[in-house]
PDB file of N, CA and C in Angstrom:
ATOM      1  N   MET A   1       0.892  -1.418   0.070  1.00  0.00           N
ATOM      2  CA  MET A   1       0.098  -0.204  -0.430  1.00  0.00           C
ATOM      3  C   MET A   1       1.245   1.427  -0.037  1.00  0.00           C
ATOM      4  N   ASP A   2       0.656   2.077  -0.879  1.00  0.00           N
ATOM      5  CA  ASP A   2       0.787   3.226  -1.143  1.00  0.00           C
ATOM      6  C   ASP A   2       0.885   4.239   0.541  1.00  0.00           C
ATOM      7  N   LYS A   3       2.157   5.104   0.819  1.00  0.00           N
ATOM      8  CA  LYS A   3       2.406   6.095   1.975  1.00  0.00           C
ATOM      9  C   LYS A   3       2.880   7.197   1.762  1.00  0.00           C
ATOM     10  N   ILE A   4       2.698   8.104   2.217  1.00  0.00           N
ATOM     11  CA  ILE A   4       3.108   9.800   2.668  1.00  0.00           C
ATOM     12  C   ILE A   4       3.900   9.367   4.107  1.00  0.00           C
ATOM     13  N   LEU A   5       4.783  10.088   3.458  1.00  0.00           N
ATOM     14  CA  LEU A   5       5.911   9.473   5.649  1.00  0.00           C
ATOM     15  C   LEU A   5       6.484  10.787   5.765  1.00  0.00           C
ATOM     16  N   ILE A   6       6.244  11.399   7.495  1.00  0.00           N
ATOM     17  CA  ILE A   6       6.240  12.349   7.439  1.00  0.00           C
ATOM     18  C   ILE A   6       7.703  11.741   8.865  1.00  0.00           C
ATOM     19  N   ARG A   7       9.185  12.710   9.118  1.00  0.00           N
ATOM     20  CA  ARG A   7       9.903  12.025  10.115  1.00  0.00           C
ATOM     21  C   ARG A   7      10.230  12.701  10.270  1.00  0.00           C
ATOM     22  N   ASP A   8      10.051  13.025  11.845  1.00  0.00           N
ATOM     23  CA  ASP A   8      11.007  13.863  12.656  1.00  0.00           C
ATOM     24  C   ASP A   8      10.464  15.033  12.632  1.00  0.00           C
ATOM     25  N   LEU A   9       8.742  14.664  12.526  1.00  0.00           N
ATOM     26  CA  LEU A   9       8.719  16.129  13.469  1.00  0.00           C
ATOM     27  C   LEU A   9       8.460  17.190  14.547  1.00  0.00           C
ATOM     28  N   LYS A  10       9.316  18.377  14.352  1.00  0.00           N
ATOM     29  CA  LYS A  10       9.706  18.736  16.353  1.00  0.00           C
ATOM     30  C   LYS A  10       9.031  19.446  16.321  1.00  0.00           C
ATOM     31  N   LEU A  11       7.929  19.067  16.873  1.00  0.00           N
ATOM     32  CA  LEU A  11       7.022  20.779  18.129  1.00  0.00           C
ATOM     33  C   LEU A  11       6.669  20.298  19.302  1.00  0.00           C
ATOM     34  N   PHE A  12       6.743  22.102  19.181  1.00  0.00           N
ATOM     35  CA  PHE A  12       7.041  22.125  20.839  1.00  0.00           C
ATOM     36  C   PHE A  12       5.445  22.766  21.254  1.00  0.00           C
ATOM     37  N   ALA A  13       5.068  21.533  22.448  1.00  0.00           N
ATOM     38  CA  ALA A  13       3.472  22.192  22.985  1.00  0.00           C
ATOM     39  C   ALA A  13       3.776  21.672  25.085  1.00  0.00           C
ATOM     40  N   TYR A  14       2.538  21.190  25.537  1.00  0.00           N
ATOM     41  CA  TYR A  14       2.563  21.667  26.713  1.00  0.00           C
ATOM     42  C   TYR A  14       1.970  20.306  27.192  1.00  0.00           C
ATOM     43  N   HIS A  15       2.030  19.606  26.874  1.00  0.00           N
ATOM     44  CA  HIS A  15       1.528  18.453  27.329  1.00  0.00           C
ATOM     45  C   HIS A  15       2.000  17.742  28.261  1.00  0.00           C
ATOM     46  N   GLY A  16       0.870  16.694  29.911  1.00  0.00           N
ATOM     47  CA  GLY A  16       2.363  16.119  30.346  1.00  0.00           C
ATOM     48  C   GLY A  16       0.605  16.237  31.387  1.00  0.00           C
ATOM     49  N   VAL A  17       0.807  14.849  32.134  1.00  0.00           N
ATOM     50  CA  VAL A  17       0.363  14.663  32.636  1.00  0.00           C
ATOM     51  C   VAL A  17       0.819  15.101  34.741  1.00  0.00           C
ATOM     52  N   LEU A  18       1.859  16.636  34.878  1.00  0.00           N
ATOM     53  CA  LEU A  18       2.714  16.844  36.010  1.00  0.00           C
ATOM     54  C   LEU A  18       2.297  18.016  35.189  1.00  0.00           C
ATOM     55  N   ASP A  19       2.054  19.071  36.288  1.00  0.00           N
ATOM     56  CA  ASP A  19       1.990  20.471  36.435  1.00  0.00           C
ATOM     57  C   ASP A  19       2.896  21.526  35.757  1.00  0.00           C
ATOM     58  N   LYS A  20       4.165  20.869  36.225  1.00  0.00           N
ATOM     59  CA  LYS A  20       5.753  21.885  34.797  1.00  0.00           C
ATOM     60  C   LYS A  20       5.607  21.660  33.475  1.00  0.00           C
ATOM     61  N   GLU A  21       4.824  20.396  32.818  1.00  0.00           N
ATOM     62  CA  GLU A  21       4.813  19.893  31.908  1.00  0.00           C
ATOM     63  C   GLU A  21       3.718  20.821  30.939  1.00  0.00           C
ATOM     64  N   LYS A  22       3.095  20.900  32.199  1.00  0.00           N
ATOM     65  CA  LYS A  22       2.637  22.191  30.285  1.00  0.00           C
ATOM     66  C   LYS A  22       2.569  23.474  31.377  1.00  0.00           C
ATOM     67  N   GLU A  23       3.419  23.853  32.330  1.00  0.00           N
ATOM     68  CA  GLU A  23       3.019  25.165  32.209  1.00  0.00           C
ATOM     69  C   GLU A  23       4.930  25.608  31.095  1.00  0.00           C
ATOM     70  N   ASN A  24       5.432  24.717  31.754  1.00  0.00           N
ATOM     71  CA  ASN A  24       6.854  25.162  30.745  1.00  0.00           C
ATOM     72  C   ASN A  24       7.238  23.888  29.051  1.00  0.00           C
ATOM     73  N   GLY A  25       6.424  23.453  29.079  1.00  0.00           N
ATOM     74  CA  GLY A  25       6.171  22.148  27.079  1.00  0.00           C
ATOM     75  C   GLY A  25       7.776  21.441  26.987  1.00  0.00           C
ATOM     76  N   GLN A  26       7.540  20.814  26.187  1.00  0.00           N
ATOM     77  CA  GLN A  26       8.928  20.569  25.844  1.00  0.00           C
ATOM     78  C   GLN A  26       8.556  20.186  24.382  1.00  0.00           C
ATOM     79  N   TYR A  27       9.380  19.420  23.635  1.00  0.00           N
ATOM     80  CA  TYR A  27       9.623  19.245  22.589  1.00  0.00           C
ATOM     81  C   TYR A  27       9.184  18.272  22.314  1.00  0.00           C
ATOM     82  N   PHE A  28       7.928  16.770  21.072  1.00  0.00           N
ATOM     83  CA  PHE A  28       7.822  16.475  21.156  1.00  0.00           C
ATOM     84  C   PHE A  28       8.199  16.057  19.487  1.00  0.00           C
ATOM     85  N   PHE A  29       7.987  14.443  19.098  1.00  0.00           N
ATOM     86  CA  PHE A  29       8.693  14.110  17.691  1.00  0.00           C
ATOM     87  C   PHE A  29       7.222  12.681  17.442  1.00  0.00           C
ATOM     88  N   PHE A  30       7.087  13.621  15.996  1.00  0.00           N
ATOM     89  CA  PHE A  30       6.407  12.670  14.910  1.00  0.00           C
ATOM     90  C   PHE A  30       7.000  11.975  13.824  1.00  0.00           C
ATOM     91  N   ASP A  31       6.796  10.840  14.056  1.00  0.00           N
ATOM     92  CA  ASP A  31       6.948   9.374  12.877  1.00  0.00           C
ATOM     93  C   ASP A  31       5.427   9.288  12.483  1.00  0.00           C
ATOM     94  N   ILE A  32       4.551   9.489  10.884  1.00  0.00           N
ATOM     95  CA  ILE A  32       3.613   9.657  10.335  1.00  0.00           C
ATOM     96  C   ILE A  32       3.667   8.380   9.266  1.00  0.00           C
ATOM     97  N   ASP A  33       2.605   7.595   8.470  1.00  0.00           N
ATOM     98  CA  ASP A  33       2.730   6.715   7.613  1.00  0.00           C
ATOM     99  C   ASP A  33       0.870   7.513   7.749  1.00  0.00           C
ATOM    100  N   ALA A  34       1.358   8.194   6.691  1.00  0.00           N
ATOM    101  CA  ALA A  34      -0.321   8.310   5.822  1.00  0.00           C
ATOM    102  C   ALA A  34      -0.601   6.910   4.093  1.00  0.00           C
ATOM    103  N   TYR A  35      -1.563   6.537   5.123  1.00  0.00           N
ATOM    104  CA  TYR A  35      -2.147   4.871   3.872  1.00  0.00           C
ATOM    105  C   TYR A  35      -2.965   6.055   2.624  1.00  0.00           C
ATOM    106  N   VAL A  36      -2.324   6.085   1.115  1.00  0.00           N
ATOM    107  CA  VAL A  36      -2.305   6.796   0.640  1.00  0.00           C
ATOM    108  C   VAL A  36      -2.344   6.439  -0.854  1.00  0.00           C
ATOM    109  N   ASP A  37      -3.659   6.283  -1.826  1.00  0.00           N
ATOM    110  CA  ASP A  37      -3.762   5.618  -3.008  1.00  0.00           C
ATOM    111  C   ASP A  37      -2.823   6.813  -3.805  1.00  0.00           C
ATOM    112  N   ILE A  38      -1.471   6.382  -3.860  1.00  0.00           N
ATOM    113  CA  ILE A  38      -0.712   8.249  -4.777  1.00  0.00           C
ATOM    114  C   ILE A  38      -0.992   7.062  -6.339  1.00  0.00           C
ATOM    115  N   SER A  39      -1.556   6.486  -6.770  1.00  0.00           N
ATOM    116  CA  SER A  39      -1.171   6.118  -8.765  1.00  0.00           C
ATOM    117  C   SER A  39      -1.933   7.708  -9.072  1.00  0.00           C
ATOM    118  N   LYS A  40      -2.446   8.136  -9.045  1.00  0.00           N
ATOM    119  CA  LYS A  40      -2.957   9.585  -9.468  1.00  0.00           C
ATOM    120  C   LYS A  40      -2.375   9.955 -10.052  1.00  0.00           C
ATOM    121  N   PRO A  41      -1.499  10.470  -8.615  1.00  0.00           N
ATOM    122  CA  PRO A  41      -0.696  11.283  -8.653  1.00  0.00           C
ATOM    123  C   PRO A  41       0.574  11.341  -9.830  1.00  0.00           C
ATOM    124  N   CYS A  42       1.030  10.011  -9.572  1.00  0.00           N
ATOM    125  CA  CYS A  42       2.335   9.744 -10.012  1.00  0.00           C
ATOM    126  C   CYS A  42       2.024   9.285 -11.568  1.00  0.00           C
ATOM    127  N   LYS A  43       0.830   9.666 -12.164  1.00  0.00           N
ATOM    128  CA  LYS A  43       0.963   9.622 -13.656  1.00  0.00           C
ATOM    129  C   LYS A  43       0.850  10.997 -13.587  1.00  0.00           C
ATOM    130  N   SER A  44      -0.486  12.344 -12.980  1.00  0.00           N
ATOM    131  CA  SER A  44      -0.248  13.591 -14.037  1.00  0.00           C
ATOM    132  C   SER A  44       0.733  14.130 -12.371  1.00  0.00           C
ATOM    133  N   ASP A  45       0.992  14.088 -12.038  1.00  0.00           N
ATOM    134  CA  ASP A  45       2.710  14.264 -12.344  1.00  0.00           C
ATOM    135  C   ASP A  45       1.413  16.697 -10.883  1.00  0.00           C
ATOM    136  N   ASP A  46       0.129  16.013 -10.274  1.00  0.00           N
ATOM    137  CA  ASP A  46       0.064  16.934 -10.028  1.00  0.00           C
ATOM    138  C   ASP A  46      -0.670  17.324  -8.278  1.00  0.00           C
ATOM    139  N   VAL A  47      -0.367  18.021  -7.686  1.00  0.00           N
ATOM    140  CA  VAL A  47      -0.008  18.538  -6.576  1.00  0.00           C
ATOM    141  C   VAL A  47      -1.830  17.935  -6.199  1.00  0.00           C
ATOM    142  N   ALA A  48      -2.569  18.637  -6.717  1.00  0.00           N
ATOM    143  CA  ALA A  48      -3.834  18.241  -6.201  1.00  0.00           C
ATOM    144  C   ALA A  48      -4.130  17.228  -6.163  1.00  0.00           C
ATOM    145  N   ASP A  49      -3.625  16.289  -7.058  1.00  0.00           N
ATOM    146  CA  ASP A  49      -3.993  14.599  -7.174  1.00  0.00           C
ATOM    147  C   ASP A  49      -3.502  14.540  -5.718  1.00  0.00           C
ATOM    148  N   THR A  50      -3.123  14.458  -4.848  1.00  0.00           N
ATOM    149  CA  THR A  50      -2.560  13.768  -3.795  1.00  0.00           C
ATOM    150  C   THR A  50      -2.363  14.254  -2.646  1.00  0.00           C
ATOM    151  N   VAL A  51      -1.882  13.896  -1.573  1.00  0.00           N
ATOM    152  CA  VAL A  51      -2.463  14.668  -0.131  1.00  0.00           C
ATOM    153  C   VAL A  51      -0.833  15.619   0.214  1.00  0.00           C
ATOM    154  N   ASN A  52      -0.624  17.056   0.092  1.00  0.00           N
ATOM    155  CA  ASN A  52       0.088  17.582   0.371  1.00  0.00           C
ATOM    156  C   ASN A  52       1.109  17.766   1.541  1.00  0.00           C
ATOM    157  N   TYR A  53       1.777  17.274   1.618  1.00  0.00           N
ATOM    158  CA  TYR A  53       2.518  17.051   3.444  1.00  0.00           C
ATOM    159  C   TYR A  53       2.709  18.320   3.384  1.00  0.00           C
ATOM    160  N   ALA A  54       3.143  18.893   3.091  1.00  0.00           N
ATOM    161  CA  ALA A  54       3.356  20.548   3.758  1.00  0.00           C
ATOM    162  C   ALA A  54       2.491  20.911   4.783  1.00  0.00           C
ATOM    163  N   LEU A  55       0.939  20.987   3.855  1.00  0.00           N
ATOM    164  CA  LEU A  55      -0.515  20.507   4.696  1.00  0.00           C
ATOM    165  C   LEU A  55      -1.091  19.989   5.324  1.00  0.00           C
ATOM    166  N   MET A  56      -0.290  18.374   5.261  1.00  0.00           N
ATOM    167  CA  MET A  56      -0.424  17.809   6.672  1.00  0.00           C
ATOM    168  C   MET A  56      -0.014  17.914   7.474  1.00  0.00           C
ATOM    169  N   VAL A  57       1.540  18.711   7.700  1.00  0.00           N
ATOM    170  CA  VAL A  57       2.372  19.289   8.838  1.00  0.00           C
ATOM    171  C   VAL A  57       1.780  20.133   9.375  1.00  0.00           C
ATOM    172  N   GLU A  58       1.215  21.808   8.774  1.00  0.00           N
ATOM    173  CA  GLU A  58       0.125  22.235   9.445  1.00  0.00           C
ATOM    174  C   GLU A  58      -0.779  21.912  10.131  1.00  0.00           C
ATOM    175  N   CYS A  59      -1.722  20.496   9.210  1.00  0.00           N
ATOM    176  CA  CYS A  59      -3.013  20.430  10.555  1.00  0.00           C
ATOM    177  C   CYS A  59      -2.681  19.539  11.257  1.00  0.00           C
ATOM    178  N   ILE A  60      -0.921  19.175  11.363  1.00  0.00           N
ATOM    179  CA  ILE A  60      -0.774  18.010  13.008  1.00  0.00           C
ATOM    180  C   ILE A  60      -0.488  19.287  12.982  1.00  0.00           C
ATOM    181  N   THR A  61       0.459  20.095  12.737  1.00  0.00           N
ATOM    182  CA  THR A  61       1.175  20.923  14.464  1.00  0.00           C
ATOM    183  C   THR A  61      -0.042  22.348  14.634  1.00  0.00           C
ATOM    184  N   LYS A  62      -0.717  22.401  14.001  1.00  0.00           N
ATOM    185  CA  LYS A  62      -2.606  23.163  14.455  1.00  0.00           C
ATOM    186  C   LYS A  62      -3.307  22.171  15.771  1.00  0.00           C
ATOM    187  N   VAL A  63      -3.353  21.454  15.438  1.00  0.00           N
ATOM    188  CA  VAL A  63      -4.567  19.625  15.884  1.00  0.00           C
ATOM    189  C   VAL A  63      -3.553  20.021  17.850  1.00  0.00           C
ATOM    190  N   PHE A  64      -1.855  19.489  17.674  1.00  0.00           N
ATOM    191  CA  PHE A  64      -1.408  18.984  18.638  1.00  0.00           C
ATOM    192  C   PHE A  64      -0.495  20.386  19.871  1.00  0.00           C
ATOM    193  N   THR A  65      -1.085  21.414  18.627  1.00  0.00           N
ATOM    194  CA  THR A  65       0.014  22.409  19.668  1.00  0.00           C
ATOM    195  C   THR A  65      -1.939  23.449  20.224  1.00  0.00           C
ATOM    196  N   SER A  66      -3.061  22.944  20.335  1.00  0.00           N
ATOM    197  CA  SER A  66      -3.896  24.251  19.966  1.00  0.00           C
ATOM    198  C   SER A  66      -4.465  23.432  21.592  1.00  0.00           C
ATOM    199  N   GLN A  67      -4.558  22.024  22.208  1.00  0.00           N
ATOM    200  CA  GLN A  67      -4.933  22.917  24.040  1.00  0.00           C
ATOM    201  C   GLN A  67      -3.612  21.770  24.814  1.00  0.00           C
ATOM    202  N   LYS A  68      -4.220  21.349  25.062  1.00  0.00           N
ATOM    203  CA  LYS A  68      -2.970  21.151  26.274  1.00  0.00           C
ATOM    204  C   LYS A  68      -3.447  19.110  26.932  1.00  0.00           C
ATOM    205  N   ASP A  69      -2.693  17.947  27.056  1.00  0.00           N
ATOM    206  CA  ASP A  69      -3.647  17.061  26.893  1.00  0.00           C
ATOM    207  C   ASP A  69      -2.377  16.261  28.295  1.00  0.00           C
ATOM    208  N   ASP A  70      -3.780  15.572  28.724  1.00  0.00           N
ATOM    209  CA  ASP A  70      -2.952  15.056  29.460  1.00  0.00           C
ATOM    210  C   ASP A  70      -1.789  13.450  29.513  1.00  0.00           C
ATOM    211  N   LEU A  71      -2.091  12.795  28.818  1.00  0.00           N
ATOM    212  CA  LEU A  71      -1.693  11.835  28.412  1.00  0.00           C
ATOM    213  C   LEU A  71      -1.380  12.373  26.555  1.00  0.00           C
ATOM    214  N   ILE A  72      -0.270  11.413  26.158  1.00  0.00           N
ATOM    215  CA  ILE A  72       0.127  11.818  24.971  1.00  0.00           C
ATOM    216  C   ILE A  72      -0.424  10.597  23.889  1.00  0.00           C
ATOM    217  N   GLU A  73      -1.433   9.998  24.873  1.00  0.00           N
ATOM    218  CA  GLU A  73      -2.554   8.725  24.050  1.00  0.00           C
ATOM    219  C   GLU A  73      -3.443   9.565  22.986  1.00  0.00           C
ATOM    220  N   ARG A  74      -3.905  10.563  23.623  1.00  0.00           N
ATOM    221  CA  ARG A  74      -4.918  11.494  23.481  1.00  0.00           C
ATOM    222  C   ARG A  74      -4.274  12.879  22.850  1.00  0.00           C
ATOM    223  N   ALA A  75      -3.006  12.543  23.113  1.00  0.00           N
ATOM    224  CA  ALA A  75      -2.265  14.146  22.047  1.00  0.00           C
ATOM    225  C   ALA A  75      -2.484  13.378  20.430  1.00  0.00           C
ATOM    226  N   ALA A  76      -2.031  12.074  20.131  1.00  0.00           N
ATOM    227  CA  ALA A  76      -1.313  11.000  18.752  1.00  0.00           C
ATOM    228  C   ALA A  76      -2.968  10.631  18.363  1.00  0.00           C
ATOM    229  N   GLN A  77      -4.585  10.740  19.161  1.00  0.00           N
ATOM    230  CA  GLN A  77      -5.617  10.187  18.812  1.00  0.00           C
ATOM    231  C   GLN A  77      -6.204  11.248  18.309  1.00  0.00           C
ATOM    232  N   ARG A  78      -6.072  13.056  18.314  1.00  0.00           N
ATOM    233  CA  ARG A  78      -6.704  14.135  18.630  1.00  0.00           C
ATOM    234  C   ARG A  78      -6.219  14.055  17.282  1.00  0.00           C
ATOM    235  N   VAL A  79      -4.614  14.072  16.782  1.00  0.00           N
ATOM    236  CA  VAL A  79      -4.099  14.658  15.723  1.00  0.00           C
ATOM    237  C   VAL A  79      -3.531  13.490  14.236  1.00  0.00           C
ATOM    238  N   ALA A  80      -4.725  11.949  14.449  1.00  0.00           N
ATOM    239  CA  ALA A  80      -5.175  11.691  13.519  1.00  0.00           C
ATOM    240  C   ALA A  80      -6.849  11.873  13.906  1.00  0.00           C
ATOM    241  N   ASP A  81      -7.537  11.756  13.997  1.00  0.00           N
ATOM    242  CA  ASP A  81      -8.628  12.595  13.711  1.00  0.00           C
ATOM    243  C   ASP A  81      -8.706  13.922  12.632  1.00  0.00           C
ATOM    244  N   GLY A  82      -7.908  14.841  13.416  1.00  0.00           N
ATOM    245  CA  GLY A  82      -7.630  15.803  12.903  1.00  0.00           C
ATOM    246  C   GLY A  82      -7.081  15.337  11.017  1.00  0.00           C
ATOM    247  N   LEU A  83      -6.284  14.903  10.935  1.00  0.00           N
ATOM    248  CA  LEU A  83      -5.740  14.454   9.852  1.00  0.00           C
ATOM    249  C   LEU A  83      -6.944  13.011   9.032  1.00  0.00           C
ATOM    250  N   PHE A  84      -7.700  13.154   9.214  1.00  0.00           N
ATOM    251  CA  PHE A  84      -9.073  12.438   9.292  1.00  0.00           C
ATOM    252  C   PHE A  84      -9.521  13.127   8.003  1.00  0.00           C
ATOM    253  N   GLU A  85      -9.938  14.015   9.643  1.00  0.00           N
ATOM    254  CA  GLU A  85     -11.075  15.022   8.895  1.00  0.00           C
ATOM    255  C   GLU A  85     -11.067  16.210   7.627  1.00  0.00           C
ATOM    256  N   GLU A  86      -9.470  16.607   7.729  1.00  0.00           N
ATOM    257  CA  GLU A  86      -8.642  17.317   6.641  1.00  0.00           C
ATOM    258  C   GLU A  86      -8.461  16.717   5.546  1.00  0.00           C
ATOM    259  N   PHE A  87      -8.140  15.925   5.512  1.00  0.00           N
ATOM    260  CA  PHE A  87      -7.858  14.506   4.034  1.00  0.00           C
ATOM    261  C   PHE A  87      -8.728  13.381   3.795  1.00  0.00           C
ATOM    262  N   GLU A  88      -9.770  13.249   3.597  1.00  0.00           N
ATOM    263  CA  GLU A  88     -10.295  12.075   2.957  1.00  0.00           C
ATOM    264  C   GLU A  88      -9.255  11.534   2.165  1.00  0.00           C
ATOM    265  N   ASN A  89      -8.588  11.631   1.371  1.00  0.00           N
ATOM    266  CA  ASN A  89      -8.118  10.882   0.175  1.00  0.00           C
ATOM    267  C   ASN A  89      -7.164   9.601   1.551  1.00  0.00           C
ATOM    268  N   ILE A  90      -6.854   9.904   3.175  1.00  0.00           N
ATOM    269  CA  ILE A  90      -6.033   9.167   4.062  1.00  0.00           C
ATOM    270  C   ILE A  90      -7.077   7.844   4.399  1.00  0.00           C
ATOM    271  N   SER A  91      -6.310   6.580   4.261  1.00  0.00           N
ATOM    272  CA  SER A  91      -7.109   6.172   4.436  1.00  0.00           C
ATOM    273  C   SER A  91      -6.750   4.762   5.916  1.00  0.00           C
ATOM    274  N   GLN A  92      -5.359   5.070   6.093  1.00  0.00           N
ATOM    275  CA  GLN A  92      -5.162   4.322   7.540  1.00  0.00           C
ATOM    276  C   GLN A  92      -3.721   5.354   7.735  1.00  0.00           C
ATOM    277  N   LEU A  93      -3.748   5.377   8.920  1.00  0.00           N
ATOM    278  CA  LEU A  93      -2.362   6.227   9.793  1.00  0.00           C
ATOM    279  C   LEU A  93      -2.098   5.231  10.722  1.00  0.00           C
ATOM    280  N   ARG A  94      -0.675   5.722  10.695  1.00  0.00           N
ATOM    281  CA  ARG A  94       0.555   4.916  11.626  1.00  0.00           C
ATOM    282  C   ARG A  94       1.031   6.261  12.112  1.00  0.00           C
ATOM    283  N   ILE A  95       1.124   6.568  13.577  1.00  0.00           N
ATOM    284  CA  ILE A  95       0.773   7.401  14.714  1.00  0.00           C
ATOM    285  C   ILE A  95       2.421   7.253  15.297  1.00  0.00           C
ATOM    286  N   LEU A  96       3.513   7.810  15.457  1.00  0.00           N
ATOM    287  CA  LEU A  96       4.184   7.200  16.466  1.00  0.00           C
ATOM    288  C   LEU A  96       4.857   8.641  16.905  1.00  0.00           C
ATOM    289  N   LEU A  97       4.599   9.161  18.122  1.00  0.00           N
ATOM    290  CA  LEU A  97       4.759   9.876  19.401  1.00  0.00           C
ATOM    291  C   LEU A  97       5.597   9.574  20.122  1.00  0.00           C
ATOM    292  N   ARG A  98       7.232  10.557  19.890  1.00  0.00           N
ATOM    293  CA  ARG A  98       7.822  10.598  20.852  1.00  0.00           C
ATOM    294  C   ARG A  98       8.291  11.236  21.917  1.00  0.00           C
ATOM    295  N   LYS A  99       8.940  11.690  23.089  1.00  0.00           N
ATOM    296  CA  LYS A  99       8.169  12.501  24.096  1.00  0.00           C
ATOM    297  C   LYS A  99       9.890  12.305  24.882  1.00  0.00           C
ATOM    298  N   PRO A 100      11.175  12.653  24.187  1.00  0.00           N
ATOM    299  CA  PRO A 100      12.390  12.453  24.681  1.00  0.00           C
ATOM    300  C   PRO A 100      12.652  12.918  26.900  1.00  0.00           C
ATOM    301  N   GLU A 101      11.786  14.144  26.780  1.00  0.00           N
ATOM    302  CA  GLU A 101      12.121  14.939  27.960  1.00  0.00           C
ATOM    303  C   GLU A 101      10.853  14.639  28.739  1.00  0.00           C
ATOM    304  N   ALA A 102      10.517  13.141  28.494  1.00  0.00           N
ATOM    305  CA  ALA A 102       9.794  12.810  29.531  1.00  0.00           C
ATOM    306  C   ALA A 102       9.685  12.889  31.411  1.00  0.00           C
ATOM    307  N   PRO A 103       9.729  13.488  32.071  1.00  0.00           N
ATOM    308  CA  PRO A 103       9.732  13.851  33.123  1.00  0.00           C
ATOM    309  C   PRO A 103       9.722  12.475  34.470  1.00  0.00           C
ATOM    310  N   ILE A 104      11.201  11.145  33.737  1.00  0.00           N
ATOM    311  CA  ILE A 104      11.838  10.486  34.498  1.00  0.00           C
ATOM    312  C   ILE A 104      12.634  10.142  34.945  1.00  0.00           C
ATOM    313  N   ASP A 105      13.313   9.303  36.208  1.00  0.00           N
ATOM    314  CA  ASP A 105      14.538  10.001  36.743  1.00  0.00           C
ATOM    315  C   ASP A 105      15.019   8.283  36.322  1.00  0.00           C
ATOM    316  N   ALA A 106      15.787   8.222  34.781  1.00  0.00           N
ATOM    317  CA  ALA A 106      16.196   7.305  34.930  1.00  0.00           C
ATOM    318  C   ALA A 106      16.627   7.583  33.160  1.00  0.00           C
ATOM    319  N   ASP A 107      18.007   7.040  32.837  1.00  0.00           N
ATOM    320  CA  ASP A 107      18.957   6.729  31.222  1.00  0.00           C
ATOM    321  C   ASP A 107      18.277   6.442  30.350  1.00  0.00           C
ATOM    322  N   PHE A 108      16.937   7.656  29.706  1.00  0.00           N
ATOM    323  CA  PHE A 108      16.514   6.357  27.745  1.00  0.00           C
ATOM    324  C   PHE A 108      16.322   7.754  26.935  1.00  0.00           C
ATOM    325  N   ALA A 109      16.463   8.277  25.778  1.00  0.00           N
ATOM    326  CA  ALA A 109      16.077   7.719  25.305  1.00  0.00           C
ATOM    327  C   ALA A 109      14.904   8.810  24.420  1.00  0.00           C
ATOM    328  N   TRP A 110      13.857   7.685  24.967  1.00  0.00           N
ATOM    329  CA  TRP A 110      12.658   8.544  24.871  1.00  0.00           C
ATOM    330  C   TRP A 110      11.751   7.656  25.336  1.00  0.00           C
ATOM    331  N   VAL A 111      10.441   7.655  25.612  1.00  0.00           N
ATOM    332  CA  VAL A 111       8.719   7.327  25.407  1.00  0.00           C
ATOM    333  C   VAL A 111       8.702   7.682  24.256  1.00  0.00           C
ATOM    334  N   GLY A 112       7.110   7.389  24.890  1.00  0.00           N
ATOM    335  CA  GLY A 112       6.023   7.163  22.618  1.00  0.00           C
ATOM    336  C   GLY A 112       5.072   6.397  22.675  1.00  0.00           C
ATOM    337  N   VAL A 113       4.518   7.102  22.445  1.00  0.00           N
ATOM    338  CA  VAL A 113       2.959   5.984  22.000  1.00  0.00           C
ATOM    339  C   VAL A 113       2.822   6.209  20.231  1.00  0.00           C
ATOM    340  N   GLU A 114       2.700   4.863  19.785  1.00  0.00           N
ATOM    341  CA  GLU A 114       1.930   4.267  18.658  1.00  0.00           C
ATOM    342  C   GLU A 114       1.119   4.086  18.262  1.00  0.00           C
ATOM    343  N   ILE A 115      -0.142   4.978  17.553  1.00  0.00           N
ATOM    344  CA  ILE A 115      -1.400   4.392  17.242  1.00  0.00           C
ATOM    345  C   ILE A 115      -1.183   4.191  15.941  1.00  0.00           C
ATOM    346  N   ASN A 116      -1.874   2.987  15.386  1.00  0.00           N
ATOM    347  CA  ASN A 116      -2.679   2.976  13.679  1.00  0.00           C
ATOM    348  C   ASN A 116      -4.078   2.900  14.160  1.00  0.00           C
ATOM    349  N   ARG A 117      -4.383   3.352  12.761  1.00  0.00           N
ATOM    350  CA  ARG A 117      -5.852   3.802  12.087  1.00  0.00           C
ATOM    351  C   ARG A 117      -6.439   3.462  11.507  1.00  0.00           C
ATOM    352  N   LYS A 118      -7.716   3.154  11.500  1.00  0.00           N
ATOM    353  CA  LYS A 118      -8.082   3.267   9.587  1.00  0.00           C
ATOM    354  C   LYS A 118      -9.861   3.972   9.957  1.00  0.00           C
ATOM    355  N   ARG A 119      -9.294   4.703   9.001  1.00  0.00           N
ATOM    356  CA  ARG A 119     -10.760   5.874   8.709  1.00  0.00           C
ATOM    357  C   ARG A 119     -12.346   5.257   8.764  1.00  0.00           C
ATOM    358  N   GLU A 120     -12.907   5.413   9.842  1.00  0.00           N
ATOM    359  CA  GLU A 120     -14.127   5.092   9.994  1.00  0.00           C
ATOM    360  C   GLU A 120     -14.959   5.077   8.887  1.00  0.00           C
ATOM    361  N   GLU A 121     -15.343   3.935   8.305  1.00  0.00           N
ATOM    362  CA  GLU A 121     -16.496   3.348   7.366  1.00  0.00           C
ATOM    363  C   GLU A 121     -17.869   4.412   7.757  1.00  0.00           C
ATOM    364  N   LYS A 122     -18.294   5.588   6.604  1.00  0.00           N
ATOM    365  CA  LYS A 122     -19.411   5.889   7.209  1.00  0.00           C
ATOM    366  C   LYS A 122     -20.577   5.349   6.670  1.00  0.00           C
ATOM    367  N   ASN A 123     -21.920   4.583   6.940  1.00  0.00           N
ATOM    368  CA  ASN A 123     -23.542   4.743   6.645  1.00  0.00           C
ATOM    369  C   ASN A 123     -23.671   5.208   6.283  1.00  0.00           C
ATOM    370  N   VAL A 124     -23.840   5.451   4.798  1.00  0.00           N
ATOM    371  CA  VAL A 124     -24.696   6.288   3.667  1.00  0.00           C
ATOM    372  C   VAL A 124     -26.236   5.484   3.595  1.00  0.00           C
TER     373      VAL A 124
END
């Protein structure tokens, strides 16, 4: 299946259970696989026939930074919901959201969540 990929998108936001996370904020990183049939733009060479990754980044940024969530699970789900709402050609998403500065007393590279979502079929 075809995919549009975004890797290591770095966004500053105020998510976390602790008050200091909501006050000071921190950087988060996204890896996103958007499953999209790209056979038409492969032939047409027209950006209007695909999902524009620059517009995807704008959507992700807007949704992710629009509110403060306790859990990155919820933040990742809101991003998935926003992408499905904005881009009807996306049939499935894999979102990896990494939190490298999580307030954990341990030596680690990052903690995170990965969600895999399919567009819900709507009864017509």
